[in-house]
PDB file of N, CA and C in Angstrom:
ATOM      1  N   MET A   1     -17.082  52.497   3.112  1.00  0.00           N
ATOM      2  CA  MET A   1     -18.205  51.562   3.172  1.00  0.00           C
ATOM      3  C   MET A   1     -19.449  52.267   2.658  1.00  0.00           C
ATOM      4  N   GLU A   2     -20.221  51.554   1.869  1.00  0.00           N
ATOM      5  CA  GLU A   2     -21.435  52.140   1.327  1.00  0.00           C
ATOM      6  C   GLU A   2     -22.519  52.207   2.389  1.00  0.00           C
ATOM      7  N   ASN A   3     -23.503  53.073   2.177  1.00  0.00           N
ATOM      8  CA  ASN A   3     -24.588  53.250   3.130  1.00  0.00           C
ATOM      9  C   ASN A   3     -25.820  52.466   2.733  1.00  0.00           C
ATOM     10  N   SER A   4     -25.668  51.208   2.348  1.00  0.00           N
ATOM     11  CA  SER A   4     -26.823  50.403   1.970  1.00  0.00           C
ATOM     12  C   SER A   4     -27.570  49.971   3.218  1.00  0.00           C
ATOM     13  N   LEU A   5     -28.855  49.739   3.040  1.00  0.00           N
ATOM     14  CA  LEU A   5     -29.681  49.302   4.156  1.00  0.00           C
ATOM     15  C   LEU A   5     -29.425  47.841   4.462  1.00  0.00           C
ATOM     16  N   ILE A   6     -29.500  47.497   5.718  1.00  0.00           N
ATOM     17  CA  ILE A   6     -29.372  46.117   6.163  1.00  0.00           C
ATOM     18  C   ILE A   6     -30.775  45.533   6.185  1.00  0.00           C
ATOM     19  N   LYS A   7     -30.941  44.372   5.576  1.00  0.00           N
ATOM     20  CA  LYS A   7     -32.269  43.778   5.500  1.00  0.00           C
ATOM     21  C   LYS A   7     -32.515  42.873   6.712  1.00  0.00           C
ATOM     22  N   VAL A   8     -33.053  43.465   7.750  1.00  0.00           N
ATOM     23  CA  VAL A   8     -33.480  42.737   8.936  1.00  0.00           C
ATOM     24  C   VAL A   8     -34.985  42.622   8.812  1.00  0.00           C
ATOM     25  N   VAL A   9     -35.519  41.416   8.940  1.00  0.00           N
ATOM     26  CA  VAL A   9     -36.953  41.225   8.777  1.00  0.00           C
ATOM     27  C   VAL A   9     -37.575  40.684  10.057  1.00  0.00           C
ATOM     28  N   ASN A  10     -38.864  40.919  10.183  1.00  0.00           N
ATOM     29  CA  ASN A  10     -39.619  40.428  11.319  1.00  0.00           C
ATOM     30  C   ASN A  10     -40.269  39.110  10.900  1.00  0.00           C
ATOM     31  N   GLN A  11     -39.798  38.011  11.461  1.00  0.00           N
ATOM     32  CA  GLN A  11     -40.315  36.671  11.147  1.00  0.00           C
ATOM     33  C   GLN A  11     -41.091  36.170  12.361  1.00  0.00           C
ATOM     34  N   ASP A  12     -42.411  36.267  12.297  1.00  0.00           N
ATOM     35  CA  ASP A  12     -43.262  35.822  13.399  1.00  0.00           C
ATOM     36  C   ASP A  12     -42.859  36.471  14.721  1.00  0.00           C
ATOM     37  N   GLY A  13     -42.590  37.775  14.689  1.00  0.00           N
ATOM     38  CA  GLY A  13     -42.253  38.513  15.894  1.00  0.00           C
ATOM     39  C   GLY A  13     -40.792  38.455  16.292  1.00  0.00           C
ATOM     40  N   GLN A  14     -39.975  37.767  15.500  1.00  0.00           N
ATOM     41  CA  GLN A  14     -38.556  37.647  15.812  1.00  0.00           C
ATOM     42  C   GLN A  14     -37.749  38.318  14.702  1.00  0.00           C
ATOM     43  N   LEU A  15     -36.790  39.135  15.082  1.00  0.00           N
ATOM     44  CA  LEU A  15     -35.951  39.816  14.108  1.00  0.00           C
ATOM     45  C   LEU A  15     -34.881  38.865  13.609  1.00  0.00           C
ATOM     46  N   VAL A  16     -34.782  38.733  12.290  1.00  0.00           N
ATOM     47  CA  VAL A  16     -33.846  37.786  11.690  1.00  0.00           C
ATOM     48  C   VAL A  16     -33.185  38.382  10.449  1.00  0.00           C
ATOM     49  N   VAL A  17     -32.081  37.754  10.064  1.00  0.00           N
ATOM     50  CA  VAL A  17     -31.387  38.080   8.826  1.00  0.00           C
ATOM     51  C   VAL A  17     -31.016  36.743   8.177  1.00  0.00           C
ATOM     52  N   SER A  18     -31.032  36.676   6.853  1.00  0.00           N
ATOM     53  CA  SER A  18     -30.755  35.411   6.172  1.00  0.00           C
ATOM     54  C   SER A  18     -29.255  35.127   6.092  1.00  0.00           C
ATOM     55  N   SER A  19     -28.925  33.856   6.063  1.00  0.00           N
ATOM     56  CA  SER A  19     -27.526  33.450   5.917  1.00  0.00           C
ATOM     57  C   SER A  19     -26.971  33.916   4.574  1.00  0.00           C
ATOM     58  N   ARG A  20     -27.833  34.027   3.574  1.00  0.00           N
ATOM     59  CA  ARG A  20     -27.370  34.517   2.268  1.00  0.00           C
ATOM     60  C   ARG A  20     -26.929  35.972   2.368  1.00  0.00           C
ATOM     61  N   GLN A  21     -27.682  36.771   3.124  1.00  0.00           N
ATOM     62  CA  GLN A  21     -27.292  38.169   3.259  1.00  0.00           C
ATOM     63  C   GLN A  21     -26.010  38.307   4.069  1.00  0.00           C
ATOM     64  N   VAL A  22     -25.854  37.475   5.091  1.00  0.00           N
ATOM     65  CA  VAL A  22     -24.607  37.487   5.859  1.00  0.00           C
ATOM     66  C   VAL A  22     -23.433  37.192   4.924  1.00  0.00           C
ATOM     67  N   ALA A  23     -23.589  36.172   4.093  1.00  0.00           N
ATOM     68  CA  ALA A  23     -22.520  35.816   3.147  1.00  0.00           C
ATOM     69  C   ALA A  23     -22.212  36.986   2.221  1.00  0.00           C
ATOM     70  N   GLU A  24     -23.239  37.579   1.670  1.00  0.00           N
ATOM     71  CA  GLU A  24     -23.053  38.693   0.743  1.00  0.00           C
ATOM     72  C   GLU A  24     -22.378  39.879   1.428  1.00  0.00           C
ATOM     73  N   ASN A  25     -22.865  40.239   2.606  1.00  0.00           N
ATOM     74  CA  ASN A  25     -22.342  41.418   3.289  1.00  0.00           C
ATOM     75  C   ASN A  25     -20.910  41.252   3.777  1.00  0.00           C
ATOM     76  N   PHE A  26     -20.527  40.031   4.079  1.00  0.00           N
ATOM     77  CA  PHE A  26     -19.183  39.796   4.586  1.00  0.00           C
ATOM     78  C   PHE A  26     -18.228  39.273   3.510  1.00  0.00           C
ATOM     79  N   GLY A  27     -18.707  39.188   2.269  1.00  0.00           N
ATOM     80  CA  GLY A  27     -17.856  38.728   1.186  1.00  0.00           C
ATOM     81  C   GLY A  27     -17.461  37.265   1.328  1.00  0.00           C
ATOM     82  N   LYS A  28     -18.379  36.456   1.844  1.00  0.00           N
ATOM     83  CA  LYS A  28     -18.130  35.021   2.053  1.00  0.00           C
ATOM     84  C   LYS A  28     -18.992  34.222   1.079  1.00  0.00           C
ATOM     85  N   GLN A  29     -18.601  32.993   0.817  1.00  0.00           N
ATOM     86  CA  GLN A  29     -19.455  32.098   0.042  1.00  0.00           C
ATOM     87  C   GLN A  29     -20.561  31.595   0.958  1.00  0.00           C
ATOM     88  N   HIS A  30     -21.771  31.521   0.426  1.00  0.00           N
ATOM     89  CA  HIS A  30     -22.898  31.084   1.242  1.00  0.00           C
ATOM     90  C   HIS A  30     -22.660  29.696   1.814  1.00  0.00           C
ATOM     91  N   GLY A  31     -22.043  28.822   1.039  1.00  0.00           N
ATOM     92  CA  GLY A  31     -21.743  27.475   1.515  1.00  0.00           C
ATOM     93  C   GLY A  31     -20.858  27.487   2.756  1.00  0.00           C
ATOM     94  N   HIS A  32     -19.904  28.419   2.798  1.00  0.00           N
ATOM     95  CA  HIS A  32     -19.020  28.508   3.960  1.00  0.00           C
ATOM     96  C   HIS A  32     -19.781  29.016   5.182  1.00  0.00           C
ATOM     97  N   VAL A  33     -20.679  29.954   4.973  1.00  0.00           N
ATOM     98  CA  VAL A  33     -21.499  30.459   6.084  1.00  0.00           C
ATOM     99  C   VAL A  33     -22.396  29.337   6.599  1.00  0.00           C
ATOM    100  N   MET A  34     -22.973  28.559   5.683  1.00  0.00           N
ATOM    101  CA  MET A  34     -23.826  27.431   6.082  1.00  0.00           C
ATOM    102  C   MET A  34     -23.023  26.409   6.895  1.00  0.00           C
ATOM    103  N   GLU A  35     -21.788  26.135   6.478  1.00  0.00           N
ATOM    104  CA  GLU A  35     -20.933  25.198   7.216  1.00  0.00           C
ATOM    105  C   GLU A  35     -20.635  25.714   8.622  1.00  0.00           C
ATOM    106  N   LYS A  36     -20.374  27.006   8.730  1.00  0.00           N
ATOM    107  CA  LYS A  36     -20.088  27.603  10.040  1.00  0.00           C
ATOM    108  C   LYS A  36     -21.301  27.461  10.949  1.00  0.00           C
ATOM    109  N   ILE A  37     -22.486  27.729  10.412  1.00  0.00           N
ATOM    110  CA  ILE A  37     -23.714  27.624  11.206  1.00  0.00           C
ATOM    111  C   ILE A  37     -23.955  26.175  11.614  1.00  0.00           C
ATOM    112  N   ALA A  38     -23.776  25.248  10.690  1.00  0.00           N
ATOM    113  CA  ALA A  38     -23.963  23.825  11.008  1.00  0.00           C
ATOM    114  C   ALA A  38     -23.006  23.399  12.123  1.00  0.00           C
ATOM    115  N   GLY A  39     -21.782  23.883  12.079  1.00  0.00           N
ATOM    116  CA  GLY A  39     -20.820  23.579  13.134  1.00  0.00           C
ATOM    117  C   GLY A  39     -21.248  24.162  14.472  1.00  0.00           C
ATOM    118  N   LEU A  40     -21.758  25.381  14.450  1.00  0.00           N
ATOM    119  CA  LEU A  40     -22.245  26.004  15.680  1.00  0.00           C
ATOM    120  C   LEU A  40     -23.436  25.238  16.246  1.00  0.00           C
ATOM    121  N   GLU A  41     -24.345  24.818  15.359  1.00  0.00           N
ATOM    122  CA  GLU A  41     -25.500  24.027  15.811  1.00  0.00           C
ATOM    123  C   GLU A  41     -25.049  22.757  16.519  1.00  0.00           C
ATOM    124  N   THR A  42     -24.069  22.079  15.941  1.00  0.00           N
ATOM    125  CA  THR A  42     -23.550  20.843  16.524  1.00  0.00           C
ATOM    126  C   THR A  42     -22.990  21.102  17.920  1.00  0.00           C
ATOM    127  N   GLU A  43     -22.305  22.215  18.083  1.00  0.00           N
ATOM    128  CA  GLU A  43     -21.727  22.553  19.381  1.00  0.00           C
ATOM    129  C   GLU A  43     -22.792  22.993  20.391  1.00  0.00           C
ATOM    130  N   ILE A  44     -23.820  23.666  19.918  1.00  0.00           N
ATOM    131  CA  ILE A  44     -24.871  24.183  20.806  1.00  0.00           C
ATOM    132  C   ILE A  44     -25.809  23.082  21.273  1.00  0.00           C
ATOM    133  N   GLN A  45     -26.160  22.156  20.378  1.00  0.00           N
ATOM    134  CA  GLN A  45     -27.199  21.158  20.660  1.00  0.00           C
ATOM    135  C   GLN A  45     -27.043  20.413  21.989  1.00  0.00           C
ATOM    136  N   PRO A  46     -25.853  19.991  22.401  1.00  0.00           N
ATOM    137  CA  PRO A  46     -25.792  19.301  23.694  1.00  0.00           C
ATOM    138  C   PRO A  46     -26.139  20.219  24.877  1.00  0.00           C
ATOM    139  N   ILE A  47     -25.984  21.515  24.678  1.00  0.00           N
ATOM    140  CA  ILE A  47     -26.204  22.475  25.758  1.00  0.00           C
ATOM    141  C   ILE A  47     -27.641  22.988  25.766  1.00  0.00           C
ATOM    142  N   GLU A  48     -28.152  23.339  24.595  1.00  0.00           N
ATOM    143  CA  GLU A  48     -29.507  23.886  24.469  1.00  0.00           C
ATOM    144  C   GLU A  48     -29.990  23.751  23.032  1.00  0.00           C
ATOM    145  N   ASN A  49     -31.250  24.066  22.813  1.00  0.00           N
ATOM    146  CA  ASN A  49     -31.850  24.011  21.487  1.00  0.00           C
ATOM    147  C   ASN A  49     -31.336  25.196  20.663  1.00  0.00           C
ATOM    148  N   SER A  50     -30.834  24.926  19.478  1.00  0.00           N
ATOM    149  CA  SER A  50     -30.256  25.991  18.648  1.00  0.00           C
ATOM    150  C   SER A  50     -31.310  26.797  17.883  1.00  0.00           C
ATOM    151  N   SER A  51     -32.593  26.457  17.998  1.00  0.00           N
ATOM    152  CA  SER A  51     -33.619  27.171  17.235  1.00  0.00           C
ATOM    153  C   SER A  51     -33.759  28.628  17.672  1.00  0.00           C
ATOM    154  N   GLY A  52     -33.269  28.971  18.842  1.00  0.00           N
ATOM    155  CA  GLY A  52     -33.277  30.363  19.265  1.00  0.00           C
ATOM    156  C   GLY A  52     -32.214  31.191  18.564  1.00  0.00           C
ATOM    157  N   TYR A  53     -31.369  30.518  17.821  1.00  0.00           N
ATOM    158  CA  TYR A  53     -30.278  31.178  17.122  1.00  0.00           C
ATOM    159  C   TYR A  53     -30.407  31.052  15.603  1.00  0.00           C
ATOM    160  N   PHE A  54     -30.749  29.839  15.161  1.00  0.00           N
ATOM    161  CA  PHE A  54     -30.777  29.530  13.727  1.00  0.00           C
ATOM    162  C   PHE A  54     -32.086  28.840  13.369  1.00  0.00           C
ATOM    163  N   ILE A  55     -32.752  29.355  12.343  1.00  0.00           N
ATOM    164  CA  ILE A  55     -34.018  28.784  11.884  1.00  0.00           C
ATOM    165  C   ILE A  55     -33.796  28.253  10.473  1.00  0.00           C
ATOM    166  N   PRO A  56     -33.770  26.913  10.309  1.00  0.00           N
ATOM    167  CA  PRO A  56     -33.569  26.369   8.961  1.00  0.00           C
ATOM    168  C   PRO A  56     -34.769  26.690   8.074  1.00  0.00           C
ATOM    169  N   THR A  57     -34.506  27.067   6.848  1.00  0.00           N
ATOM    170  CA  THR A  57     -35.567  27.378   5.899  1.00  0.00           C
ATOM    171  C   THR A  57     -35.048  27.139   4.489  1.00  0.00           C
ATOM    172  N   GLU A  58     -35.839  27.465   3.501  1.00  0.00           N
ATOM    173  CA  GLU A  58     -35.458  27.298   2.104  1.00  0.00           C
ATOM    174  C   GLU A  58     -35.845  28.530   1.317  1.00  0.00           C
ATOM    175  N   TYR A  59     -35.192  28.707   0.192  1.00  0.00           N
ATOM    176  CA  TYR A  59     -35.518  29.774  -0.745  1.00  0.00           C
ATOM    177  C   TYR A  59     -35.411  29.204  -2.152  1.00  0.00           C
ATOM    178  N   LYS A  60     -36.029  29.884  -3.107  1.00  0.00           N
ATOM    179  CA  LYS A  60     -35.925  29.474  -4.503  1.00  0.00           C
ATOM    180  C   LYS A  60     -34.789  30.245  -5.160  1.00  0.00           C
ATOM    181  N   ASP A  61     -33.881  29.502  -5.811  1.00  0.00           N
ATOM    182  CA  ASP A  61     -32.785  30.157  -6.514  1.00  0.00           C
ATOM    183  C   ASP A  61     -33.283  30.668  -7.869  1.00  0.00           C
ATOM    184  N   LEU A  62     -32.377  31.201  -8.657  1.00  0.00           N
ATOM    185  CA  LEU A  62     -32.754  31.783  -9.952  1.00  0.00           C
ATOM    186  C   LEU A  62     -33.340  30.755 -10.912  1.00  0.00           C
ATOM    187  N   LYS A  63     -33.001  29.468 -10.718  1.00  0.00           N
ATOM    188  CA  LYS A  63     -33.550  28.402 -11.559  1.00  0.00           C
ATOM    189  C   LYS A  63     -34.900  27.915 -11.048  1.00  0.00           C
ATOM    190  N   GLY A  64     -35.331  28.432  -9.888  1.00  0.00           N
ATOM    191  CA  GLY A  64     -36.583  27.988  -9.301  1.00  0.00           C
ATOM    192  C   GLY A  64     -36.441  26.763  -8.410  1.00  0.00           C
ATOM    193  N   GLU A  65     -35.199  26.359  -8.162  1.00  0.00           N
ATOM    194  CA  GLU A  65     -34.945  25.197  -7.310  1.00  0.00           C
ATOM    195  C   GLU A  65     -34.852  25.626  -5.848  1.00  0.00           C
ATOM    196  N   LEU A  66     -35.340  24.763  -4.943  1.00  0.00           N
ATOM    197  CA  LEU A  66     -35.260  25.055  -3.521  1.00  0.00           C
ATOM    198  C   LEU A  66     -33.852  24.815  -3.003  1.00  0.00           C
ATOM    199  N   ARG A  67     -33.360  25.769  -2.243  1.00  0.00           N
ATOM    200  CA  ARG A  67     -32.032  25.693  -1.637  1.00  0.00           C
ATOM    201  C   ARG A  67     -32.169  25.978  -0.139  1.00  0.00           C
ATOM    202  N   LYS A  68     -31.272  25.391   0.640  1.00  0.00           N
ATOM    203  CA  LYS A  68     -31.292  25.606   2.084  1.00  0.00           C
ATOM    204  C   LYS A  68     -30.628  26.929   2.446  1.00  0.00           C
ATOM    205  N   GLU A  69     -31.146  27.519   3.493  1.00  0.00           N
ATOM    206  CA  GLU A  69     -30.535  28.681   4.117  1.00  0.00           C
ATOM    207  C   GLU A  69     -30.989  28.717   5.566  1.00  0.00           C
ATOM    208  N   TYR A  70     -30.430  29.607   6.331  1.00  0.00           N
ATOM    209  CA  TYR A  70     -30.841  29.803   7.709  1.00  0.00           C
ATOM    210  C   TYR A  70     -31.302  31.237   7.878  1.00  0.00           C
ATOM    211  N   LEU A  71     -32.254  31.415   8.777  1.00  0.00           N
ATOM    212  CA  LEU A  71     -32.572  32.743   9.274  1.00  0.00           C
ATOM    213  C   LEU A  71     -31.886  32.831  10.627  1.00  0.00           C
ATOM    214  N   LEU A  72     -31.117  33.884  10.827  1.00  0.00           N
ATOM    215  CA  LEU A  72     -30.356  34.054  12.050  1.00  0.00           C
ATOM    216  C   LEU A  72     -31.019  35.104  12.926  1.00  0.00           C
ATOM    217  N   THR A  73     -31.250  34.758  14.181  1.00  0.00           N
ATOM    218  CA  THR A  73     -31.710  35.754  15.136  1.00  0.00           C
ATOM    219  C   THR A  73     -30.531  36.669  15.454  1.00  0.00           C
ATOM    220  N   ARG A  74     -30.788  37.695  16.230  1.00  0.00           N
ATOM    221  CA  ARG A  74     -29.687  38.580  16.605  1.00  0.00           C
ATOM    222  C   ARG A  74     -28.576  37.785  17.282  1.00  0.00           C
ATOM    223  N   ASP A  75     -28.943  36.885  18.189  1.00  0.00           N
ATOM    224  CA  ASP A  75     -27.936  36.077  18.875  1.00  0.00           C
ATOM    225  C   ASP A  75     -27.239  35.118  17.911  1.00  0.00           C
ATOM    226  N   GLY A  76     -27.997  34.543  16.985  1.00  0.00           N
ATOM    227  CA  GLY A  76     -27.404  33.660  15.990  1.00  0.00           C
ATOM    228  C   GLY A  76     -26.444  34.405  15.082  1.00  0.00           C
ATOM    229  N   PHE A  77     -26.841  35.606  14.701  1.00  0.00           N
ATOM    230  CA  PHE A  77     -25.968  36.446  13.886  1.00  0.00           C
ATOM    231  C   PHE A  77     -24.670  36.733  14.633  1.00  0.00           C
ATOM    232  N   THR A  78     -24.812  37.121  15.901  1.00  0.00           N
ATOM    233  CA  THR A  78     -23.645  37.460  16.700  1.00  0.00           C
ATOM    234  C   THR A  78     -22.705  36.270  16.822  1.00  0.00           C
ATOM    235  N   LEU A  79     -23.256  35.087  17.110  1.00  0.00           N
ATOM    236  CA  LEU A  79     -22.435  33.882  17.202  1.00  0.00           C
ATOM    237  C   LEU A  79     -21.707  33.591  15.890  1.00  0.00           C
ATOM    238  N   THR A  80     -22.404  33.749  14.791  1.00  0.00           N
ATOM    239  CA  THR A  80     -21.841  33.413  13.484  1.00  0.00           C
ATOM    240  C   THR A  80     -20.715  34.353  13.084  1.00  0.00           C
ATOM    241  N   VAL A  81     -20.953  35.646  13.204  1.00  0.00           N
ATOM    242  CA  VAL A  81     -19.969  36.602  12.691  1.00  0.00           C
ATOM    243  C   VAL A  81     -18.897  36.978  13.705  1.00  0.00           C
ATOM    244  N   MET A  82     -19.039  36.503  14.934  1.00  0.00           N
ATOM    245  CA  MET A  82     -18.054  36.835  15.951  1.00  0.00           C
ATOM    246  C   MET A  82     -16.644  36.465  15.505  1.00  0.00           C
ATOM    247  N   GLY A  83     -16.518  35.386  14.753  1.00  0.00           N
ATOM    248  CA  GLY A  83     -15.199  34.939  14.299  1.00  0.00           C
ATOM    249  C   GLY A  83     -14.720  35.630  13.039  1.00  0.00           C
ATOM    250  N   PHE A  84     -15.578  36.373  12.352  1.00  0.00           N
ATOM    251  CA  PHE A  84     -15.148  37.085  11.160  1.00  0.00           C
ATOM    252  C   PHE A  84     -14.234  38.239  11.582  1.00  0.00           C
ATOM    253  N   THR A  85     -13.168  38.473  10.821  1.00  0.00           N
ATOM    254  CA  THR A  85     -12.219  39.518  11.175  1.00  0.00           C
ATOM    255  C   THR A  85     -12.015  40.482  10.017  1.00  0.00           C
ATOM    256  N   GLY A  86     -11.306  41.561  10.297  1.00  0.00           N
ATOM    257  CA  GLY A  86     -10.979  42.556   9.289  1.00  0.00           C
ATOM    258  C   GLY A  86     -11.854  43.787   9.386  1.00  0.00           C
ATOM    259  N   ALA A  87     -11.446  44.824   8.667  1.00  0.00           N
ATOM    260  CA  ALA A  87     -12.142  46.107   8.712  1.00  0.00           C
ATOM    261  C   ALA A  87     -13.574  45.993   8.206  1.00  0.00           C
ATOM    262  N   LYS A  88     -13.770  45.246   7.125  1.00  0.00           N
ATOM    263  CA  LYS A  88     -15.118  45.096   6.570  1.00  0.00           C
ATOM    264  C   LYS A  88     -16.029  44.391   7.574  1.00  0.00           C
ATOM    265  N   ALA A  89     -15.513  43.375   8.227  1.00  0.00           N
ATOM    266  CA  ALA A  89     -16.304  42.649   9.219  1.00  0.00           C
ATOM    267  C   ALA A  89     -16.710  43.586  10.358  1.00  0.00           C
ATOM    268  N   LEU A  90     -15.797  44.396  10.840  1.00  0.00           N
ATOM    269  CA  LEU A  90     -16.114  45.327  11.930  1.00  0.00           C
ATOM    270  C   LEU A  90     -17.179  46.326  11.492  1.00  0.00           C
ATOM    271  N   GLN A  91     -17.049  46.861  10.286  1.00  0.00           N
ATOM    272  CA  GLN A  91     -18.040  47.823   9.796  1.00  0.00           C
ATOM    273  C   GLN A  91     -19.424  47.194   9.709  1.00  0.00           C
ATOM    274  N   TRP A  92     -19.498  45.973   9.181  1.00  0.00           N
ATOM    275  CA  TRP A  92     -20.792  45.317   9.060  1.00  0.00           C
ATOM    276  C   TRP A  92     -21.376  44.953  10.417  1.00  0.00           C
ATOM    277  N   LYS A  93     -20.542  44.526  11.344  1.00  0.00           N
ATOM    278  CA  LYS A  93     -21.030  44.215  12.695  1.00  0.00           C
ATOM    279  C   LYS A  93     -21.687  45.448  13.299  1.00  0.00           C
ATOM    280  N   LEU A  94     -21.041  46.587  13.157  1.00  0.00           N
ATOM    281  CA  LEU A  94     -21.606  47.823  13.694  1.00  0.00           C
ATOM    282  C   LEU A  94     -22.913  48.187  13.003  1.00  0.00           C
ATOM    283  N   LYS A  95     -22.991  47.985  11.676  1.00  0.00           N
ATOM    284  CA  LYS A  95     -24.228  48.284  10.946  1.00  0.00           C
ATOM    285  C   LYS A  95     -25.368  47.363  11.379  1.00  0.00           C
ATOM    286  N   TYR A  96     -25.079  46.072  11.568  1.00  0.00           N
ATOM    287  CA  TYR A  96     -26.119  45.138  11.988  1.00  0.00           C
ATOM    288  C   TYR A  96     -26.609  45.449  13.391  1.00  0.00           C
ATOM    289  N   ILE A  97     -25.708  45.775  14.274  1.00  0.00           N
ATOM    290  CA  ILE A  97     -26.120  46.142  15.627  1.00  0.00           C
ATOM    291  C   ILE A  97     -27.050  47.343  15.567  1.00  0.00           C
ATOM    292  N   GLU A  98     -26.701  48.332  14.779  1.00  0.00           N
ATOM    293  CA  GLU A  98     -27.531  49.528  14.632  1.00  0.00           C
ATOM    294  C   GLU A  98     -28.903  49.171  14.048  1.00  0.00           C
ATOM    295  N   ALA A  99     -28.924  48.319  13.020  1.00  0.00           N
ATOM    296  CA  ALA A  99     -30.193  47.949  12.382  1.00  0.00           C
ATOM    297  C   ALA A  99     -31.094  47.179  13.339  1.00  0.00           C
ATOM    298  N   PHE A 100     -30.547  46.212  14.066  1.00  0.00           N
ATOM    299  CA  PHE A 100     -31.357  45.464  15.017  1.00  0.00           C
ATOM    300  C   PHE A 100     -31.893  46.389  16.107  1.00  0.00           C
ATOM    301  N   ASN A 101     -31.069  47.290  16.591  1.00  0.00           N
ATOM    302  CA  ASN A 101     -31.507  48.203  17.648  1.00  0.00           C
ATOM    303  C   ASN A 101     -32.616  49.131  17.159  1.00  0.00           C
ATOM    304  N   LYS A 102     -32.493  49.616  15.925  1.00  0.00           N
ATOM    305  CA  LYS A 102     -33.545  50.480  15.366  1.00  0.00           C
ATOM    306  C   LYS A 102     -34.862  49.724  15.208  1.00  0.00           C
ATOM    307  N   MET A 103     -34.788  48.489  14.703  1.00  0.00           N
ATOM    308  CA  MET A 103     -35.997  47.688  14.528  1.00  0.00           C
ATOM    309  C   MET A 103     -36.627  47.370  15.880  1.00  0.00           C
ATOM    310  N   GLU A 104     -35.816  47.025  16.846  1.00  0.00           N
ATOM    311  CA  GLU A 104     -36.323  46.719  18.180  1.00  0.00           C
ATOM    312  C   GLU A 104     -37.025  47.933  18.780  1.00  0.00           C
ATOM    313  N   GLN A 105     -36.422  49.107  18.631  1.00  0.00           N
ATOM    314  CA  GLN A 105     -37.029  50.329  19.155  1.00  0.00           C
ATOM    315  C   GLN A 105     -38.343  50.626  18.445  1.00  0.00           C
ATOM    316  N   ALA A 106     -38.378  50.422  17.130  1.00  0.00           N
ATOM    317  CA  ALA A 106     -39.616  50.657  16.370  1.00  0.00           C
ATOM    318  C   ALA A 106     -40.719  49.709  16.838  1.00  0.00           C
ATOM    319  N   LEU A 107     -40.376  48.458  17.086  1.00  0.00           N
ATOM    320  CA  LEU A 107     -41.376  47.507  17.570  1.00  0.00           C
ATOM    321  C   LEU A 107     -41.872  47.889  18.960  1.00  0.00           C
ATOM    322  N   LYS A 108     -40.973  48.345  19.802  1.00  0.00           N
ATOM    323  CA  LYS A 108     -41.368  48.774  21.157  1.00  0.00           C
ATOM    324  C   LYS A 108     -42.317  49.954  21.095  1.00  0.00           C
ATOM    325  N   GLU A 109     -42.072  50.863  20.172  1.00  0.00           N
ATOM    326  CA  GLU A 109     -42.913  52.054  20.051  1.00  0.00           C
ATOM    327  C   GLU A 109     -44.304  51.725  19.526  1.00  0.00           C
ATOM    328  N   GLN A 110     -44.467  50.583  18.870  1.00  0.00           N
ATOM    329  CA  GLN A 110     -45.771  50.164  18.358  1.00  0.00           C
ATOM    330  C   GLN A 110     -46.614  49.485  19.433  1.00  0.00           C
ATOM    331  N   GLN A 111     -46.011  49.054  20.529  1.00  0.00           N
ATOM    332  CA  GLN A 111     -46.729  48.348  21.583  1.00  0.00           C
ATOM    333  C   GLN A 111     -47.654  49.311  22.318  1.00  0.00           C
ATOM    334  N   PRO A 112     -48.931  48.941  22.498  1.00  0.00           N
ATOM    335  CA  PRO A 112     -49.818  49.803  23.275  1.00  0.00           C
ATOM    336  C   PRO A 112     -49.375  49.816  24.741  1.00  0.00           C
ATOM    337  N   VAL A 113     -49.483  50.974  25.336  1.00  0.00           N
ATOM    338  CA  VAL A 113     -49.109  51.113  26.737  1.00  0.00           C
ATOM    339  C   VAL A 113     -50.395  51.222  27.552  1.00  0.00           C
ATOM    340  N   PHE A 114     -50.544  50.336  28.503  1.00  0.00           N
ATOM    341  CA  PHE A 114     -51.722  50.336  29.362  1.00  0.00           C
ATOM    342  C   PHE A 114     -51.321  50.855  30.733  1.00  0.00           C
ATOM    343  N   ALA A 115     -52.184  51.658  31.308  1.00  0.00           N
ATOM    344  CA  ALA A 115     -51.913  52.175  32.643  1.00  0.00           C
ATOM    345  C   ALA A 115     -52.181  51.076  33.664  1.00  0.00           C
ATOM    346  N   LEU A 116     -51.235  50.844  34.512  1.00  0.00           N
ATOM    347  CA  LEU A 116     -51.403  49.858  35.574  1.00  0.00           C
ATOM    348  C   LEU A 116     -52.132  50.497  36.741  1.00  0.00           C
ATOM    349  N   PRO A 117     -52.949  49.719  37.445  1.00  0.00           N
ATOM    350  CA  PRO A 117     -53.636  50.281  38.617  1.00  0.00           C
ATOM    351  C   PRO A 117     -52.621  50.735  39.642  1.00  0.00           C
ATOM    352  N   GLN A 118     -52.914  51.861  40.251  1.00  0.00           N
ATOM    353  CA  GLN A 118     -52.008  52.436  41.234  1.00  0.00           C
ATOM    354  C   GLN A 118     -52.355  52.014  42.667  1.00  0.00           C
ATOM    355  N   THR A 119     -53.613  51.664  42.881  1.00  0.00           N
ATOM    356  CA  THR A 119     -54.037  51.297  44.227  1.00  0.00           C
ATOM    357  C   THR A 119     -54.848  50.024  44.181  1.00  0.00           C
ATOM    358  N   TYR A 120     -55.013  49.401  45.341  1.00  0.00           N
ATOM    359  CA  TYR A 120     -55.819  48.187  45.472  1.00  0.00           C
ATOM    360  C   TYR A 120     -57.264  48.463  45.069  1.00  0.00           C
ATOM    361  N   LYS A 121     -57.773  49.649  45.396  1.00  0.00           N
ATOM    362  CA  LYS A 121     -59.155  50.015  45.061  1.00  0.00           C
ATOM    363  C   LYS A 121     -59.348  50.049  43.543  1.00  0.00           C
ATOM    364  N   GLU A 122     -58.369  50.530  42.800  1.00  0.00           N
ATOM    365  CA  GLU A 122     -58.460  50.573  41.338  1.00  0.00           C
ATOM    366  C   GLU A 122     -58.520  49.165  40.756  1.00  0.00           C
ATOM    367  N   VAL A 123     -57.860  48.222  41.380  1.00  0.00           N
ATOM    368  CA  VAL A 123     -57.869  46.840  40.903  1.00  0.00           C
ATOM    369  C   VAL A 123     -59.276  46.267  41.024  1.00  0.00           C
ATOM    370  N   LEU A 124     -59.974  46.597  42.091  1.00  0.00           N
ATOM    371  CA  LEU A 124     -61.318  46.075  42.340  1.00  0.00           C
ATOM    372  C   LEU A 124     -62.368  46.707  41.450  1.00  0.00           C
ATOM    373  N   LEU A 125     -62.106  47.865  40.893  1.00  0.00           N
ATOM    374  CA  LEU A 125     -63.098  48.559  40.065  1.00  0.00           C
ATOM    375  C   LEU A 125     -63.269  47.932  38.729  1.00  0.00           C
TER     376      LEU A 125
END
């Protein structure tokens, strides 16, 4: 397996990966990945809102035409690729887990840490 970087992006404070990249990384057709996500959305909707997993969006193709895609949160990614099998799928799952964990840790390290008051008197000051 090659050591290419996984493109996880921060979309309004949420870590996501595009359905196109999932298709590319797993050797799937984007249309098939979109169908899988649409099926998952249909199953999720009666239980809860699927926007915590899949964010519908668009991109411009090489012709400049708008095409549909999804941005997948970590949970959406996990739901989508859970059914993918084979050695390549396992390798990519491990790489994505590592990438999300690294990004999450980097974001945590950027958060300012404030000292909490230790006593009631400090709260009043």
